[in-house]
Amino acid sequence: MSVILIGMPSCGKSTLGVLLAKQLGYRFIDSDLLIQEAEGKLLHEIISERGINEFINIEERVNAAITETNAVISTGGSVIYGDKAMQNLKSLGKVVYLDLPYNEMCARLGDYSHRGVVMRKGNTLADMYAERKPLYEKYADITVHVCNASLTENIAKIVAALNSEA
């Protein structure tokens, strides 16, 4: 069984994912890196050159092709726009939503212009947050609140939630 991490940009999917994989003895996969490898470009370059809709299509294709078991898979924040990708990821294991309040996301995110954050033209971070939160909740098997806790505490929360689901 794999553990799939979803959540807002800057919620800690990659950082917590590496630590969680070490603790579980699993492989770590960052789907954003898989996208960059497949396209030969950084995320923000793909978005600026090909547009948001094409990026979402690429993201869905890459995530729908992941087959790893016994892995912790960190996804991009916009993976939830691709139903095929999410159905595939759910078939691999437990989807863990790392829930982060809006104000904390903003504080952590800082300048996101080179992070490859998918945000429609004219939208604000508040718009993105409001649009995505129900989608994360829809696909999540487990929700873990990751605000006001250390990395160690958040890993313990995720492991405890996974164990209670087993």
N, C-alpha and C. Protein backbone atom coordinates (compact mmCIF):
# COMPACT_ATOMS: atom_id res chain seq x y z
N MET A 1 0.83 -1.18 0.00
CA MET A 1 0.00 0.00 0.00
C MET A 1 0.88 1.25 0.00
N SER A 2 0.54 2.19 -0.88
CA SER A 2 1.25 3.47 -0.91
C SER A 2 0.50 4.51 -0.10
N VAL A 3 1.19 5.58 0.23
CA VAL A 3 0.60 6.72 0.91
C VAL A 3 0.74 7.90 -0.03
N ILE A 4 -0.39 8.51 -0.37
CA ILE A 4 -0.40 9.61 -1.33
C ILE A 4 -0.72 10.89 -0.57
N LEU A 5 0.17 11.87 -0.67
CA LEU A 5 -0.01 13.14 0.03
C LEU A 5 -0.57 14.18 -0.92
N ILE A 6 -1.70 14.79 -0.53
CA ILE A 6 -2.29 15.88 -1.30
C ILE A 6 -2.46 17.08 -0.37
N GLY A 7 -2.55 18.27 -0.97
CA GLY A 7 -2.78 19.46 -0.17
C GLY A 7 -2.31 20.71 -0.89
N MET A 8 -2.59 21.82 -0.26
CA MET A 8 -2.25 23.14 -0.80
C MET A 8 -0.75 23.28 -1.01
N PRO A 9 -0.35 24.19 -1.91
CA PRO A 9 1.07 24.50 -2.03
C PRO A 9 1.60 24.92 -0.66
N SER A 10 2.76 24.45 -0.32
CA SER A 10 3.49 24.78 0.91
C SER A 10 2.98 24.08 2.16
N CYS A 11 2.10 23.08 2.01
CA CYS A 11 1.59 22.39 3.21
C CYS A 11 2.60 21.37 3.74
N GLY A 12 3.63 21.05 2.95
CA GLY A 12 4.67 20.15 3.43
C GLY A 12 4.66 18.78 2.78
N LYS A 13 3.99 18.63 1.64
CA LYS A 13 3.90 17.32 0.99
C LYS A 13 5.28 16.72 0.71
N SER A 14 6.18 17.50 0.14
CA SER A 14 7.51 16.98 -0.21
C SER A 14 8.37 16.77 1.03
N THR A 15 8.40 17.74 1.91
CA THR A 15 9.23 17.65 3.12
C THR A 15 8.76 16.51 4.01
N LEU A 16 7.47 16.49 4.31
CA LEU A 16 6.93 15.42 5.16
C LEU A 16 7.00 14.07 4.44
N GLY A 17 6.84 14.10 3.12
CA GLY A 17 6.87 12.86 2.35
C GLY A 17 8.19 12.12 2.46
N VAL A 18 9.29 12.86 2.35
CA VAL A 18 10.61 12.24 2.47
C VAL A 18 10.77 11.62 3.86
N LEU A 19 10.42 12.37 4.89
CA LEU A 19 10.56 11.87 6.26
C LEU A 19 9.64 10.68 6.53
N LEU A 20 8.43 10.74 6.01
CA LEU A 20 7.48 9.64 6.18
C LEU A 20 7.98 8.38 5.48
N ALA A 21 8.51 8.55 4.28
CA ALA A 21 9.05 7.40 3.53
C ALA A 21 10.18 6.75 4.31
N LYS A 22 11.06 7.54 4.90
CA LYS A 22 12.16 6.98 5.70
C LYS A 22 11.61 6.21 6.89
N GLN A 23 10.62 6.78 7.56
CA GLN A 23 10.06 6.12 8.74
C GLN A 23 9.35 4.82 8.38
N LEU A 24 8.65 4.80 7.25
CA LEU A 24 7.89 3.61 6.85
C LEU A 24 8.76 2.60 6.09
N GLY A 25 9.95 3.02 5.68
CA GLY A 25 10.79 2.15 4.86
C GLY A 25 10.28 2.04 3.44
N TYR A 26 9.62 3.10 2.97
CA TYR A 26 9.04 3.15 1.63
C TYR A 26 9.91 3.98 0.70
N ARG A 27 9.67 3.83 -0.58
CA ARG A 27 10.29 4.67 -1.58
C ARG A 27 9.58 6.03 -1.56
N PHE A 28 10.28 7.10 -1.90
CA PHE A 28 9.66 8.42 -2.00
C PHE A 28 9.58 8.82 -3.46
N ILE A 29 8.40 9.27 -3.87
CA ILE A 29 8.18 9.74 -5.24
C ILE A 29 7.56 11.12 -5.18
N ASP A 30 8.15 12.07 -5.87
CA ASP A 30 7.59 13.41 -5.98
C ASP A 30 7.05 13.55 -7.40
N SER A 31 5.73 13.60 -7.54
CA SER A 31 5.16 13.61 -8.89
C SER A 31 5.48 14.89 -9.66
N ASP A 32 5.76 15.99 -8.95
CA ASP A 32 6.20 17.19 -9.65
C ASP A 32 7.54 16.95 -10.36
N LEU A 33 8.43 16.19 -9.71
CA LEU A 33 9.70 15.87 -10.35
C LEU A 33 9.50 14.93 -11.54
N LEU A 34 8.53 14.03 -11.44
CA LEU A 34 8.22 13.15 -12.58
C LEU A 34 7.74 13.98 -13.77
N ILE A 35 6.93 15.00 -13.51
CA ILE A 35 6.45 15.89 -14.57
C ILE A 35 7.62 16.62 -15.21
N GLN A 36 8.52 17.16 -14.37
CA GLN A 36 9.68 17.88 -14.91
C GLN A 36 10.56 16.96 -15.74
N GLU A 37 10.75 15.72 -15.29
CA GLU A 37 11.54 14.76 -16.06
C GLU A 37 10.88 14.44 -17.39
N ALA A 38 9.57 14.22 -17.36
CA ALA A 38 8.85 13.85 -18.59
C ALA A 38 8.87 14.99 -19.62
N GLU A 39 8.81 16.22 -19.14
CA GLU A 39 8.72 17.38 -20.04
C GLU A 39 10.06 18.06 -20.29
N GLY A 40 11.07 17.75 -19.48
CA GLY A 40 12.37 18.38 -19.65
C GLY A 40 12.38 19.87 -19.32
N LYS A 41 11.44 20.28 -18.47
CA LYS A 41 11.33 21.69 -18.09
C LYS A 41 10.88 21.79 -16.64
N LEU A 42 11.13 22.95 -16.04
CA LEU A 42 10.63 23.23 -14.71
C LEU A 42 9.11 23.45 -14.78
N LEU A 43 8.43 23.24 -13.66
CA LEU A 43 6.97 23.38 -13.65
C LEU A 43 6.53 24.75 -14.12
N HIS A 44 7.12 25.81 -13.59
CA HIS A 44 6.68 27.16 -13.97
C HIS A 44 6.95 27.43 -15.45
N GLU A 45 7.97 26.79 -16.04
CA GLU A 45 8.22 26.94 -17.47
C GLU A 45 7.13 26.26 -18.29
N ILE A 46 6.72 25.08 -17.86
CA ILE A 46 5.64 24.37 -18.56
C ILE A 46 4.37 25.20 -18.52
N ILE A 47 4.05 25.73 -17.34
CA ILE A 47 2.83 26.53 -17.19
C ILE A 47 2.90 27.78 -18.06
N SER A 48 4.02 28.49 -18.04
CA SER A 48 4.10 29.73 -18.82
C SER A 48 4.13 29.48 -20.32
N GLU A 49 4.75 28.36 -20.75
CA GLU A 49 4.85 28.08 -22.18
C GLU A 49 3.62 27.39 -22.75
N ARG A 50 3.00 26.51 -21.97
CA ARG A 50 1.92 25.69 -22.51
C ARG A 50 0.55 26.04 -21.95
N GLY A 51 0.53 26.80 -20.87
CA GLY A 51 -0.74 27.21 -20.28
C GLY A 51 -1.20 26.26 -19.18
N ILE A 52 -2.11 26.76 -18.37
CA ILE A 52 -2.58 26.01 -17.21
C ILE A 52 -3.32 24.75 -17.63
N ASN A 53 -4.20 24.85 -18.61
CA ASN A 53 -4.99 23.67 -19.00
C ASN A 53 -4.10 22.54 -19.50
N GLU A 54 -3.10 22.87 -20.31
CA GLU A 54 -2.19 21.82 -20.80
C GLU A 54 -1.35 21.26 -19.66
N PHE A 55 -0.93 22.12 -18.73
CA PHE A 55 -0.19 21.62 -17.58
C PHE A 55 -1.04 20.63 -16.79
N ILE A 56 -2.29 20.95 -16.56
CA ILE A 56 -3.18 20.05 -15.82
C ILE A 56 -3.33 18.71 -16.56
N ASN A 57 -3.39 18.77 -17.89
CA ASN A 57 -3.45 17.52 -18.68
C ASN A 57 -2.18 16.69 -18.50
N ILE A 58 -1.04 17.35 -18.54
CA ILE A 58 0.24 16.65 -18.34
C ILE A 58 0.29 16.06 -16.94
N GLU A 59 -0.09 16.86 -15.94
CA GLU A 59 -0.08 16.40 -14.56
C GLU A 59 -0.99 15.18 -14.39
N GLU A 60 -2.15 15.22 -15.02
CA GLU A 60 -3.06 14.08 -14.91
C GLU A 60 -2.47 12.83 -15.56
N ARG A 61 -1.89 12.99 -16.74
CA ARG A 61 -1.28 11.85 -17.44
C ARG A 61 -0.16 11.23 -16.62
N VAL A 62 0.72 12.05 -16.07
CA VAL A 62 1.86 11.54 -15.28
C VAL A 62 1.37 10.83 -14.02
N ASN A 63 0.43 11.43 -13.31
CA ASN A 63 -0.06 10.83 -12.07
C ASN A 63 -0.92 9.61 -12.32
N ALA A 64 -1.60 9.56 -13.44
CA ALA A 64 -2.41 8.39 -13.78
C ALA A 64 -1.53 7.20 -14.15
N ALA A 65 -0.27 7.46 -14.47
CA ALA A 65 0.64 6.39 -14.88
C ALA A 65 1.48 5.83 -13.72
N ILE A 66 1.39 6.43 -12.55
CA ILE A 66 2.16 5.95 -11.40
C ILE A 66 1.59 4.60 -10.96
N THR A 67 2.48 3.63 -10.74
CA THR A 67 2.03 2.29 -10.36
C THR A 67 2.70 1.78 -9.08
N GLU A 68 3.56 2.59 -8.47
CA GLU A 68 4.34 2.15 -7.32
C GLU A 68 3.46 1.77 -6.12
N THR A 69 3.85 0.68 -5.50
CA THR A 69 3.27 0.34 -4.20
C THR A 69 4.39 0.46 -3.18
N ASN A 70 4.03 0.52 -1.92
CA ASN A 70 5.01 0.73 -0.85
C ASN A 70 5.86 1.97 -1.12
N ALA A 71 5.16 3.04 -1.47
CA ALA A 71 5.82 4.32 -1.73
C ALA A 71 5.03 5.42 -1.04
N VAL A 72 5.72 6.48 -0.70
CA VAL A 72 5.06 7.72 -0.31
C VAL A 72 5.14 8.62 -1.54
N ILE A 73 3.98 9.04 -2.02
CA ILE A 73 3.89 9.82 -3.25
C ILE A 73 3.43 11.23 -2.90
N SER A 74 4.31 12.19 -3.13
CA SER A 74 3.98 13.60 -2.94
C SER A 74 3.48 14.13 -4.27
N THR A 75 2.29 14.70 -4.27
CA THR A 75 1.70 15.20 -5.52
C THR A 75 1.80 16.72 -5.57
N GLY A 76 1.58 17.26 -6.76
CA GLY A 76 1.46 18.69 -6.91
C GLY A 76 0.11 19.13 -6.36
N GLY A 77 0.02 20.37 -5.93
CA GLY A 77 -1.21 20.87 -5.34
C GLY A 77 -2.41 20.83 -6.26
N SER A 78 -2.17 20.83 -7.57
CA SER A 78 -3.28 20.85 -8.53
C SER A 78 -3.67 19.47 -9.04
N VAL A 79 -3.09 18.41 -8.50
CA VAL A 79 -3.39 17.05 -8.96
C VAL A 79 -4.88 16.74 -8.85
N ILE A 80 -5.58 17.37 -7.93
CA ILE A 80 -6.99 17.09 -7.68
C ILE A 80 -7.88 17.57 -8.82
N TYR A 81 -7.34 18.29 -9.79
CA TYR A 81 -8.12 18.68 -10.96
C TYR A 81 -8.24 17.54 -11.98
N GLY A 82 -7.46 16.48 -11.78
CA GLY A 82 -7.49 15.35 -12.71
C GLY A 82 -8.13 14.12 -12.08
N ASP A 83 -9.37 13.83 -12.44
CA ASP A 83 -10.08 12.71 -11.82
C ASP A 83 -9.40 11.37 -12.13
N LYS A 84 -8.90 11.18 -13.36
CA LYS A 84 -8.22 9.91 -13.69
C LYS A 84 -6.98 9.73 -12.82
N ALA A 85 -6.25 10.80 -12.62
CA ALA A 85 -5.05 10.75 -11.77
C ALA A 85 -5.45 10.38 -10.35
N MET A 86 -6.47 11.03 -9.83
CA MET A 86 -6.87 10.78 -8.45
C MET A 86 -7.44 9.37 -8.27
N GLN A 87 -8.17 8.88 -9.24
CA GLN A 87 -8.69 7.51 -9.14
C GLN A 87 -7.53 6.51 -9.14
N ASN A 88 -6.52 6.77 -9.98
CA ASN A 88 -5.35 5.89 -10.00
C ASN A 88 -4.63 5.94 -8.65
N LEU A 89 -4.38 7.13 -8.15
CA LEU A 89 -3.65 7.26 -6.89
C LEU A 89 -4.42 6.60 -5.75
N LYS A 90 -5.75 6.77 -5.72
CA LYS A 90 -6.56 6.14 -4.68
C LYS A 90 -6.47 4.62 -4.77
N SER A 91 -6.31 4.09 -5.98
CA SER A 91 -6.20 2.64 -6.14
C SER A 91 -4.89 2.08 -5.59
N LEU A 92 -3.90 2.96 -5.42
CA LEU A 92 -2.57 2.53 -4.95
C LEU A 92 -2.46 2.49 -3.44
N GLY A 93 -3.37 3.17 -2.73
CA GLY A 93 -3.25 3.19 -1.27
C GLY A 93 -4.14 4.24 -0.65
N LYS A 94 -3.65 4.83 0.43
CA LYS A 94 -4.40 5.82 1.20
C LYS A 94 -4.00 7.23 0.77
N VAL A 95 -5.01 8.06 0.51
CA VAL A 95 -4.78 9.45 0.17
C VAL A 95 -4.90 10.28 1.45
N VAL A 96 -3.81 10.96 1.80
CA VAL A 96 -3.74 11.76 3.01
C VAL A 96 -3.73 13.24 2.62
N TYR A 97 -4.76 13.95 3.06
CA TYR A 97 -4.87 15.39 2.83
C TYR A 97 -4.19 16.12 3.97
N LEU A 98 -3.13 16.85 3.65
CA LEU A 98 -2.42 17.66 4.64
C LEU A 98 -3.11 19.03 4.67
N ASP A 99 -3.99 19.19 5.63
CA ASP A 99 -4.85 20.37 5.72
C ASP A 99 -4.10 21.51 6.41
N LEU A 100 -4.03 22.63 5.73
CA LEU A 100 -3.32 23.81 6.22
C LEU A 100 -4.25 25.01 6.09
N PRO A 101 -4.45 25.78 7.17
CA PRO A 101 -5.32 26.96 7.07
C PRO A 101 -4.79 27.98 6.06
N TYR A 102 -5.70 28.75 5.50
CA TYR A 102 -5.36 29.72 4.46
C TYR A 102 -4.24 30.67 4.88
N ASN A 103 -4.37 31.26 6.08
CA ASN A 103 -3.36 32.25 6.50
C ASN A 103 -1.98 31.63 6.64
N GLU A 104 -1.92 30.37 7.07
CA GLU A 104 -0.63 29.69 7.20
C GLU A 104 -0.05 29.37 5.82
N MET A 105 -0.92 28.97 4.87
CA MET A 105 -0.46 28.73 3.51
C MET A 105 0.19 29.99 2.94
N CYS A 106 -0.47 31.12 3.11
CA CYS A 106 0.07 32.39 2.59
C CYS A 106 1.41 32.72 3.23
N ALA A 107 1.51 32.53 4.55
CA ALA A 107 2.76 32.84 5.26
C ALA A 107 3.90 31.95 4.77
N ARG A 108 3.61 30.68 4.51
CA ARG A 108 4.65 29.75 4.07
C ARG A 108 5.02 29.94 2.61
N LEU A 109 4.06 30.31 1.80
CA LEU A 109 4.24 30.31 0.35
C LEU A 109 5.18 31.40 -0.12
N GLY A 110 5.06 32.60 0.43
CA GLY A 110 5.92 33.70 0.00
C GLY A 110 5.79 33.95 -1.49
N ASP A 111 6.91 34.21 -2.17
CA ASP A 111 6.91 34.45 -3.61
C ASP A 111 6.81 33.10 -4.32
N TYR A 112 5.68 32.84 -4.91
CA TYR A 112 5.43 31.54 -5.54
C TYR A 112 5.58 31.57 -7.05
N SER A 113 6.13 32.65 -7.60
CA SER A 113 6.19 32.80 -9.06
C SER A 113 7.05 31.73 -9.73
N HIS A 114 8.01 31.15 -9.02
CA HIS A 114 8.85 30.11 -9.61
C HIS A 114 8.59 28.74 -9.02
N ARG A 115 7.45 28.58 -8.36
CA ARG A 115 7.12 27.29 -7.74
C ARG A 115 6.25 26.42 -8.62
N GLY A 116 5.69 26.98 -9.69
CA GLY A 116 4.81 26.18 -10.53
C GLY A 116 3.43 26.01 -9.92
N VAL A 117 2.95 27.04 -9.24
CA VAL A 117 1.62 26.99 -8.65
C VAL A 117 0.59 27.27 -9.75
N VAL A 118 -0.36 26.36 -9.89
CA VAL A 118 -1.40 26.50 -10.90
C VAL A 118 -2.49 27.43 -10.35
N MET A 119 -2.59 28.61 -10.97
CA MET A 119 -3.62 29.56 -10.56
C MET A 119 -4.13 30.26 -11.81
N ARG A 120 -5.44 30.20 -11.98
CA ARG A 120 -6.04 30.79 -13.17
C ARG A 120 -5.89 32.30 -13.17
N LYS A 121 -5.75 32.84 -14.37
CA LYS A 121 -5.57 34.28 -14.55
C LYS A 121 -6.71 35.04 -13.86
N GLY A 122 -6.34 36.05 -13.09
CA GLY A 122 -7.33 36.86 -12.39
C GLY A 122 -7.71 36.32 -11.03
N ASN A 123 -7.31 35.08 -10.73
CA ASN A 123 -7.63 34.50 -9.42
C ASN A 123 -6.60 34.93 -8.39
N THR A 124 -7.04 34.96 -7.15
CA THR A 124 -6.17 35.24 -6.02
C THR A 124 -5.86 33.92 -5.31
N LEU A 125 -4.94 33.99 -4.35
CA LEU A 125 -4.68 32.80 -3.53
C LEU A 125 -5.94 32.37 -2.79
N ALA A 126 -6.74 33.33 -2.35
CA ALA A 126 -8.00 33.00 -1.66
C ALA A 126 -8.94 32.26 -2.59
N ASP A 127 -9.01 32.67 -3.86
CA ASP A 127 -9.85 31.97 -4.85
C ASP A 127 -9.37 30.54 -5.03
N MET A 128 -8.05 30.37 -5.19
CA MET A 128 -7.47 29.04 -5.37
C MET A 128 -7.78 28.16 -4.17
N TYR A 129 -7.59 28.70 -2.98
CA TYR A 129 -7.83 27.95 -1.75
C TYR A 129 -9.29 27.49 -1.68
N ALA A 130 -10.20 28.41 -1.95
CA ALA A 130 -11.63 28.09 -1.88
C ALA A 130 -12.03 27.05 -2.92
N GLU A 131 -11.41 27.09 -4.08
CA GLU A 131 -11.72 26.14 -5.14
C GLU A 131 -11.17 24.74 -4.84
N ARG A 132 -9.97 24.69 -4.29
CA ARG A 132 -9.31 23.40 -4.08
C ARG A 132 -9.73 22.66 -2.81
N LYS A 133 -10.00 23.37 -1.74
CA LYS A 133 -10.27 22.73 -0.45
C LYS A 133 -11.35 21.64 -0.56
N PRO A 134 -12.50 21.88 -1.19
CA PRO A 134 -13.51 20.82 -1.29
C PRO A 134 -13.03 19.62 -2.12
N LEU A 135 -12.15 19.86 -3.09
CA LEU A 135 -11.63 18.75 -3.89
C LEU A 135 -10.67 17.89 -3.08
N TYR A 136 -9.83 18.52 -2.26
CA TYR A 136 -8.96 17.73 -1.38
C TYR A 136 -9.80 16.88 -0.44
N GLU A 137 -10.83 17.50 0.12
CA GLU A 137 -11.71 16.78 1.05
C GLU A 137 -12.43 15.62 0.36
N LYS A 138 -12.81 15.83 -0.89
CA LYS A 138 -13.51 14.80 -1.67
C LYS A 138 -12.65 13.55 -1.85
N TYR A 139 -11.39 13.74 -2.17
CA TYR A 139 -10.52 12.61 -2.51
C TYR A 139 -9.82 12.01 -1.29
N ALA A 140 -9.78 12.71 -0.18
CA ALA A 140 -9.01 12.25 0.99
C ALA A 140 -9.63 11.03 1.66
N ASP A 141 -8.77 10.08 1.99
CA ASP A 141 -9.17 8.98 2.88
C ASP A 141 -8.93 9.40 4.33
N ILE A 142 -7.90 10.22 4.52
CA ILE A 142 -7.48 10.68 5.84
C ILE A 142 -7.15 12.17 5.73
N THR A 143 -7.56 12.95 6.73
CA THR A 143 -7.17 14.36 6.80
C THR A 143 -6.32 14.57 8.05
N VAL A 144 -5.17 15.20 7.85
CA VAL A 144 -4.27 15.51 8.96
C VAL A 144 -4.03 17.02 8.95
N HIS A 145 -4.31 17.67 10.06
CA HIS A 145 -4.10 19.11 10.20
C HIS A 145 -2.62 19.34 10.54
N VAL A 146 -1.94 20.09 9.68
CA VAL A 146 -0.48 20.22 9.80
C VAL A 146 -0.03 21.59 10.28
N CYS A 147 -0.93 22.38 10.82
CA CYS A 147 -0.55 23.71 11.31
C CYS A 147 -0.12 23.62 12.78
N ASN A 148 0.78 24.50 13.15
CA ASN A 148 1.23 24.63 14.54
C ASN A 148 1.80 23.33 15.11
N ALA A 149 2.53 22.61 14.29
CA ALA A 149 3.18 21.38 14.75
C ALA A 149 4.54 21.26 14.06
N SER A 150 5.46 20.59 14.74
CA SER A 150 6.79 20.37 14.15
C SER A 150 6.70 19.27 13.11
N LEU A 151 7.76 19.12 12.34
CA LEU A 151 7.82 18.01 11.36
C LEU A 151 7.61 16.67 12.06
N THR A 152 8.29 16.49 13.18
CA THR A 152 8.19 15.23 13.93
C THR A 152 6.75 14.99 14.39
N GLU A 153 6.11 16.03 14.88
CA GLU A 153 4.72 15.90 15.34
C GLU A 153 3.78 15.58 14.17
N ASN A 154 4.02 16.23 13.03
CA ASN A 154 3.17 15.97 11.87
C ASN A 154 3.36 14.55 11.34
N ILE A 155 4.60 14.06 11.33
CA ILE A 155 4.84 12.67 10.92
C ILE A 155 4.11 11.72 11.87
N ALA A 156 4.19 11.98 13.16
CA ALA A 156 3.50 11.14 14.14
C ALA A 156 2.00 11.16 13.91
N LYS A 157 1.44 12.33 13.59
CA LYS A 157 0.00 12.42 13.31
C LYS A 157 -0.38 11.59 12.08
N ILE A 158 0.44 11.66 11.04
CA ILE A 158 0.15 10.91 9.81
C ILE A 158 0.23 9.41 10.08
N VAL A 159 1.28 8.97 10.76
CA VAL A 159 1.46 7.55 11.06
C VAL A 159 0.29 7.05 11.93
N ALA A 160 -0.09 7.83 12.93
CA ALA A 160 -1.20 7.42 13.80
C ALA A 160 -2.50 7.30 12.99
N ALA A 161 -2.73 8.25 12.08
CA ALA A 161 -3.94 8.20 11.26
C ALA A 161 -3.91 7.00 10.33
N LEU A 162 -2.76 6.70 9.75
CA LEU A 162 -2.64 5.51 8.89
C LEU A 162 -2.87 4.24 9.69
N ASN A 163 -2.31 4.16 10.89
CA ASN A 163 -2.48 2.98 11.73
C ASN A 163 -3.93 2.78 12.15
N SER A 164 -4.64 3.87 12.38
CA SER A 164 -6.05 3.74 12.79
C SER A 164 -6.93 3.32 11.62
N GLU A 165 -6.45 3.54 10.39
CA GLU A 165 -7.17 3.12 9.19
C GLU A 165 -6.91 1.66 8.83
N ALA A 166 -5.79 1.13 9.33
CA ALA A 166 -5.38 -0.23 8.91
C ALA A 166 -6.28 -1.31 9.47
